[in-house]
Amino acid sequence: MDNFTIIYKILKALEQAMDYDEFDVNKISHTRLNITYQRWEKILIMLSKSGYIEGVAYDQCGSDYCPHIEEPISPVITLKGLEYLSDNSLMKKAANILKGIKETVPGL
């Protein structure tokens, strides 16, 4: 699965969770997304560092190659994350429109 598809799914799940008091992290678990724990952890840390989500604490010991998430996590989407979803939804719609045009117009 494409990393950006994974990012989109995580952010979309967190956006939908805004209507509830609690969020079940299993909805965005590495097993649910069908990726390794290591990739999942790195993506969540990147999203946190980039300001798309909050509520993910991480630390890096001197012997660690990269940072690791500290449990428990309570990810929440930020305004920047909502903007990402909005922008990418528009891009997907445009891509689907162009794909439809390409399929109906020979030679494109």
N, C-alpha and C. Protein backbone atom coordinates (compact mmCIF):
# COMPACT_ATOMS: atom_id res chain seq x y z
N MET A 1 0.84 -1.18 0.00
CA MET A 1 0.00 0.00 0.00
C MET A 1 0.89 1.24 0.00
N ASP A 2 0.48 2.23 -0.73
CA ASP A 2 1.19 3.49 -0.84
C ASP A 2 1.18 4.23 0.51
N ASN A 3 2.30 4.81 0.87
CA ASN A 3 2.40 5.54 2.14
C ASN A 3 1.37 6.66 2.24
N PHE A 4 1.11 7.36 1.14
CA PHE A 4 0.16 8.46 1.18
C PHE A 4 -1.28 7.95 1.34
N THR A 5 -1.56 6.77 0.86
CA THR A 5 -2.86 6.16 1.08
C THR A 5 -3.03 5.84 2.56
N ILE A 6 -1.97 5.33 3.17
CA ILE A 6 -1.99 5.03 4.61
C ILE A 6 -2.21 6.31 5.41
N ILE A 7 -1.46 7.35 5.06
CA ILE A 7 -1.59 8.64 5.74
C ILE A 7 -3.02 9.15 5.62
N TYR A 8 -3.57 9.07 4.43
CA TYR A 8 -4.94 9.53 4.20
C TYR A 8 -5.92 8.74 5.06
N LYS A 9 -5.76 7.43 5.13
CA LYS A 9 -6.66 6.59 5.93
C LYS A 9 -6.57 6.94 7.42
N ILE A 10 -5.36 7.17 7.89
CA ILE A 10 -5.17 7.53 9.31
C ILE A 10 -5.86 8.86 9.59
N LEU A 11 -5.58 9.86 8.76
CA LEU A 11 -6.17 11.18 8.98
C LEU A 11 -7.68 11.14 8.83
N LYS A 12 -8.19 10.38 7.90
CA LYS A 12 -9.64 10.28 7.69
C LYS A 12 -10.30 9.64 8.92
N ALA A 13 -9.70 8.61 9.47
CA ALA A 13 -10.25 7.97 10.67
C ALA A 13 -10.24 8.94 11.85
N LEU A 14 -9.18 9.73 11.97
CA LEU A 14 -9.10 10.70 13.07
C LEU A 14 -10.09 11.84 12.86
N GLU A 15 -10.34 12.20 11.62
CA GLU A 15 -11.33 13.24 11.33
C GLU A 15 -12.73 12.75 11.70
N GLN A 16 -13.04 11.52 11.39
CA GLN A 16 -14.33 10.94 11.74
C GLN A 16 -14.49 10.80 13.25
N ALA A 17 -13.38 10.63 13.95
CA ALA A 17 -13.41 10.46 15.41
C ALA A 17 -13.71 11.76 16.14
N MET A 18 -13.72 12.88 15.44
CA MET A 18 -14.01 14.16 16.08
C MET A 18 -15.42 14.19 16.67
N ASP A 19 -16.29 13.32 16.20
CA ASP A 19 -17.66 13.29 16.69
C ASP A 19 -17.82 12.48 17.97
N TYR A 20 -16.75 11.89 18.47
CA TYR A 20 -16.82 11.02 19.64
C TYR A 20 -15.85 11.47 20.72
N ASP A 21 -16.15 11.09 21.96
CA ASP A 21 -15.29 11.43 23.09
C ASP A 21 -14.00 10.62 23.11
N GLU A 22 -14.07 9.38 22.65
CA GLU A 22 -12.91 8.50 22.67
C GLU A 22 -12.66 7.93 21.29
N PHE A 23 -11.41 7.58 21.03
CA PHE A 23 -11.03 7.01 19.75
C PHE A 23 -10.37 5.66 19.98
N ASP A 24 -10.81 4.66 19.26
CA ASP A 24 -10.22 3.32 19.33
C ASP A 24 -9.02 3.28 18.38
N VAL A 25 -7.82 3.29 18.94
CA VAL A 25 -6.59 3.32 18.15
C VAL A 25 -6.48 2.09 17.24
N ASN A 26 -7.18 1.03 17.58
CA ASN A 26 -7.15 -0.17 16.72
C ASN A 26 -7.69 0.11 15.33
N LYS A 27 -8.48 1.18 15.17
CA LYS A 27 -9.01 1.53 13.85
C LYS A 27 -7.91 1.96 12.89
N ILE A 28 -6.76 2.38 13.46
CA ILE A 28 -5.63 2.78 12.61
C ILE A 28 -4.38 1.96 12.94
N SER A 29 -4.59 0.77 13.47
CA SER A 29 -3.45 -0.08 13.85
C SER A 29 -2.69 -0.57 12.62
N HIS A 30 -1.48 -1.01 12.84
CA HIS A 30 -0.66 -1.51 11.73
C HIS A 30 -1.29 -2.75 11.11
N THR A 31 -1.95 -3.56 11.93
CA THR A 31 -2.58 -4.76 11.37
C THR A 31 -3.79 -4.38 10.51
N ARG A 32 -4.56 -3.42 10.96
CA ARG A 32 -5.73 -2.97 10.18
C ARG A 32 -5.29 -2.33 8.86
N LEU A 33 -4.15 -1.62 8.89
CA LEU A 33 -3.65 -0.97 7.68
C LEU A 33 -2.78 -1.90 6.84
N ASN A 34 -2.54 -3.09 7.36
CA ASN A 34 -1.75 -4.12 6.66
C ASN A 34 -0.32 -3.65 6.34
N ILE A 35 0.31 -3.08 7.36
CA ILE A 35 1.71 -2.65 7.24
C ILE A 35 2.46 -3.12 8.48
N THR A 36 3.78 -3.03 8.43
CA THR A 36 4.57 -3.44 9.58
C THR A 36 4.42 -2.42 10.72
N TYR A 37 4.66 -2.89 11.93
CA TYR A 37 4.60 -2.00 13.08
C TYR A 37 5.63 -0.87 12.92
N GLN A 38 6.81 -1.20 12.42
CA GLN A 38 7.86 -0.21 12.26
C GLN A 38 7.44 0.91 11.31
N ARG A 39 6.81 0.55 10.18
CA ARG A 39 6.35 1.57 9.22
C ARG A 39 5.24 2.41 9.85
N TRP A 40 4.31 1.74 10.55
CA TRP A 40 3.21 2.44 11.21
C TRP A 40 3.73 3.46 12.22
N GLU A 41 4.69 3.01 13.01
CA GLU A 41 5.28 3.88 14.02
C GLU A 41 5.95 5.09 13.38
N LYS A 42 6.72 4.87 12.33
CA LYS A 42 7.40 5.97 11.64
C LYS A 42 6.40 6.95 11.02
N ILE A 43 5.33 6.43 10.45
CA ILE A 43 4.32 7.31 9.84
C ILE A 43 3.64 8.16 10.90
N LEU A 44 3.26 7.56 12.02
CA LEU A 44 2.63 8.35 13.09
C LEU A 44 3.58 9.41 13.64
N ILE A 45 4.83 9.07 13.78
CA ILE A 45 5.81 10.06 14.27
C ILE A 45 5.98 11.18 13.25
N MET A 46 6.06 10.84 11.97
CA MET A 46 6.16 11.87 10.92
C MET A 46 4.94 12.78 10.94
N LEU A 47 3.75 12.19 11.06
CA LEU A 47 2.53 13.00 11.10
C LEU A 47 2.54 13.94 12.30
N SER A 48 3.03 13.45 13.42
CA SER A 48 3.11 14.28 14.62
C SER A 48 4.14 15.39 14.45
N LYS A 49 5.33 15.04 13.99
CA LYS A 49 6.38 16.04 13.80
C LYS A 49 5.98 17.12 12.79
N SER A 50 5.18 16.72 11.79
CA SER A 50 4.76 17.65 10.75
C SER A 50 3.54 18.48 11.15
N GLY A 51 2.96 18.16 12.30
CA GLY A 51 1.84 18.95 12.80
C GLY A 51 0.48 18.52 12.30
N TYR A 52 0.37 17.34 11.69
CA TYR A 52 -0.92 16.85 11.19
C TYR A 52 -1.74 16.18 12.28
N ILE A 53 -1.06 15.64 13.30
CA ILE A 53 -1.75 15.03 14.44
C ILE A 53 -1.05 15.45 15.73
N GLU A 54 -1.78 15.31 16.83
CA GLU A 54 -1.25 15.51 18.18
C GLU A 54 -1.55 14.26 18.99
N GLY A 55 -0.95 14.17 20.16
CA GLY A 55 -1.27 13.07 21.07
C GLY A 55 -0.44 11.82 20.87
N VAL A 56 0.68 11.96 20.16
CA VAL A 56 1.59 10.83 19.97
C VAL A 56 2.94 11.22 20.58
N ALA A 57 3.26 10.60 21.70
CA ALA A 57 4.53 10.87 22.35
C ALA A 57 5.56 9.85 21.85
N TYR A 58 6.76 10.32 21.62
CA TYR A 58 7.82 9.44 21.14
C TYR A 58 9.14 9.87 21.76
N ASP A 59 10.07 8.94 21.76
CA ASP A 59 11.38 9.19 22.36
C ASP A 59 12.42 8.37 21.62
N GLN A 60 13.64 8.83 21.68
CA GLN A 60 14.73 8.10 21.03
C GLN A 60 15.90 7.98 22.01
N CYS A 61 16.18 6.75 22.37
CA CYS A 61 17.33 6.49 23.24
C CYS A 61 18.60 6.55 22.40
N GLY A 62 19.71 6.72 23.05
CA GLY A 62 20.98 6.80 22.34
C GLY A 62 21.30 5.58 21.50
N SER A 63 20.83 4.42 21.91
CA SER A 63 21.13 3.19 21.17
C SER A 63 20.12 2.91 20.05
N ASP A 64 19.03 3.69 20.00
CA ASP A 64 18.00 3.47 18.98
C ASP A 64 18.37 4.13 17.67
N TYR A 65 18.05 3.45 16.59
CA TYR A 65 18.29 3.99 15.25
C TYR A 65 17.31 5.12 14.94
N CYS A 66 16.07 4.95 15.40
CA CYS A 66 15.04 5.95 15.17
C CYS A 66 14.13 6.04 16.40
N PRO A 67 13.33 7.11 16.50
CA PRO A 67 12.45 7.25 17.66
C PRO A 67 11.37 6.17 17.69
N HIS A 68 10.84 5.94 18.89
CA HIS A 68 9.77 4.96 19.09
C HIS A 68 8.63 5.61 19.85
N ILE A 69 7.42 5.18 19.54
CA ILE A 69 6.22 5.70 20.18
C ILE A 69 6.16 5.21 21.62
N GLU A 70 5.75 6.12 22.50
CA GLU A 70 5.53 5.77 23.90
C GLU A 70 4.03 5.59 24.11
N GLU A 71 3.66 4.49 24.69
CA GLU A 71 2.25 4.20 24.97
C GLU A 71 1.83 4.93 26.24
N PRO A 72 0.57 5.23 26.42
CA PRO A 72 -0.51 5.09 25.45
C PRO A 72 -0.51 6.27 24.47
N ILE A 73 -1.10 6.05 23.33
CA ILE A 73 -1.22 7.15 22.37
C ILE A 73 -2.70 7.54 22.26
N SER A 74 -2.91 8.81 22.06
CA SER A 74 -4.26 9.36 21.89
C SER A 74 -4.24 10.32 20.72
N PRO A 75 -4.10 9.80 19.50
CA PRO A 75 -3.96 10.68 18.35
C PRO A 75 -5.23 11.49 18.08
N VAL A 76 -5.01 12.76 17.75
CA VAL A 76 -6.08 13.68 17.41
C VAL A 76 -5.64 14.46 16.18
N ILE A 77 -6.53 14.63 15.23
CA ILE A 77 -6.20 15.39 14.03
C ILE A 77 -6.14 16.88 14.36
N THR A 78 -5.26 17.59 13.69
CA THR A 78 -5.11 19.03 13.88
C THR A 78 -5.72 19.76 12.70
N LEU A 79 -5.74 21.08 12.77
CA LEU A 79 -6.23 21.89 11.66
C LEU A 79 -5.43 21.61 10.39
N LYS A 80 -4.13 21.47 10.55
CA LYS A 80 -3.27 21.16 9.40
C LYS A 80 -3.64 19.80 8.79
N GLY A 81 -3.97 18.84 9.63
CA GLY A 81 -4.41 17.53 9.15
C GLY A 81 -5.73 17.62 8.40
N LEU A 82 -6.64 18.45 8.90
CA LEU A 82 -7.92 18.65 8.22
C LEU A 82 -7.70 19.30 6.85
N GLU A 83 -6.77 20.25 6.80
CA GLU A 83 -6.46 20.90 5.52
C GLU A 83 -5.88 19.90 4.53
N TYR A 84 -5.04 18.99 5.00
CA TYR A 84 -4.47 17.95 4.15
C TYR A 84 -5.58 17.10 3.54
N LEU A 85 -6.53 16.70 4.38
CA LEU A 85 -7.65 15.88 3.89
C LEU A 85 -8.46 16.64 2.85
N SER A 86 -8.71 17.89 3.11
CA SER A 86 -9.50 18.69 2.18
C SER A 86 -8.79 18.83 0.85
N ASP A 87 -7.51 19.16 0.89
CA ASP A 87 -6.73 19.32 -0.35
C ASP A 87 -6.66 18.02 -1.13
N ASN A 88 -6.43 16.92 -0.44
CA ASN A 88 -6.30 15.64 -1.13
C ASN A 88 -7.63 15.11 -1.64
N SER A 89 -8.72 15.45 -0.97
CA SER A 89 -10.03 15.06 -1.48
C SER A 89 -10.30 15.75 -2.81
N LEU A 90 -9.94 17.02 -2.89
CA LEU A 90 -10.12 17.76 -4.13
C LEU A 90 -9.22 17.20 -5.23
N MET A 91 -7.99 16.84 -4.87
CA MET A 91 -7.07 16.28 -5.86
C MET A 91 -7.57 14.93 -6.36
N LYS A 92 -8.12 14.11 -5.47
CA LYS A 92 -8.65 12.81 -5.89
C LYS A 92 -9.84 12.98 -6.82
N LYS A 93 -10.70 13.95 -6.50
CA LYS A 93 -11.85 14.20 -7.36
C LYS A 93 -11.38 14.65 -8.74
N ALA A 94 -10.39 15.54 -8.78
CA ALA A 94 -9.86 16.01 -10.06
C ALA A 94 -9.23 14.86 -10.83
N ALA A 95 -8.49 14.01 -10.15
CA ALA A 95 -7.85 12.86 -10.80
C ALA A 95 -8.89 11.91 -11.37
N ASN A 96 -9.96 11.68 -10.61
CA ASN A 96 -11.03 10.80 -11.09
C ASN A 96 -11.73 11.40 -12.29
N ILE A 97 -11.92 12.71 -12.28
CA ILE A 97 -12.55 13.38 -13.43
C ILE A 97 -11.66 13.22 -14.65
N LEU A 98 -10.35 13.48 -14.47
CA LEU A 98 -9.41 13.35 -15.59
C LEU A 98 -9.32 11.90 -16.06
N LYS A 99 -9.38 10.97 -15.15
CA LYS A 99 -9.35 9.56 -15.51
C LYS A 99 -10.57 9.21 -16.36
N GLY A 100 -11.73 9.73 -15.96
CA GLY A 100 -12.96 9.50 -16.72
C GLY A 100 -12.89 10.10 -18.10
N ILE A 101 -12.30 11.30 -18.21
CA ILE A 101 -12.14 11.94 -19.51
C ILE A 101 -11.21 11.12 -20.38
N LYS A 102 -10.11 10.68 -19.80
CA LYS A 102 -9.11 9.89 -20.55
C LYS A 102 -9.72 8.60 -21.07
N GLU A 103 -10.58 7.97 -20.28
CA GLU A 103 -11.18 6.70 -20.69
C GLU A 103 -12.21 6.89 -21.80
N THR A 104 -12.86 8.07 -21.84
CA THR A 104 -13.89 8.30 -22.84
C THR A 104 -13.38 8.95 -24.12
N VAL A 105 -12.22 9.59 -24.04
CA VAL A 105 -11.66 10.26 -25.22
C VAL A 105 -10.48 9.46 -25.74
N PRO A 106 -10.61 8.85 -26.91
CA PRO A 106 -9.49 8.07 -27.46
C PRO A 106 -8.28 8.95 -27.75
N GLY A 107 -7.11 8.43 -27.51
CA GLY A 107 -5.87 9.14 -27.83
C GLY A 107 -5.32 9.98 -26.70
N LEU A 108 -6.02 10.08 -25.59
CA LEU A 108 -5.51 10.85 -24.45
C LEU A 108 -4.74 9.96 -23.51
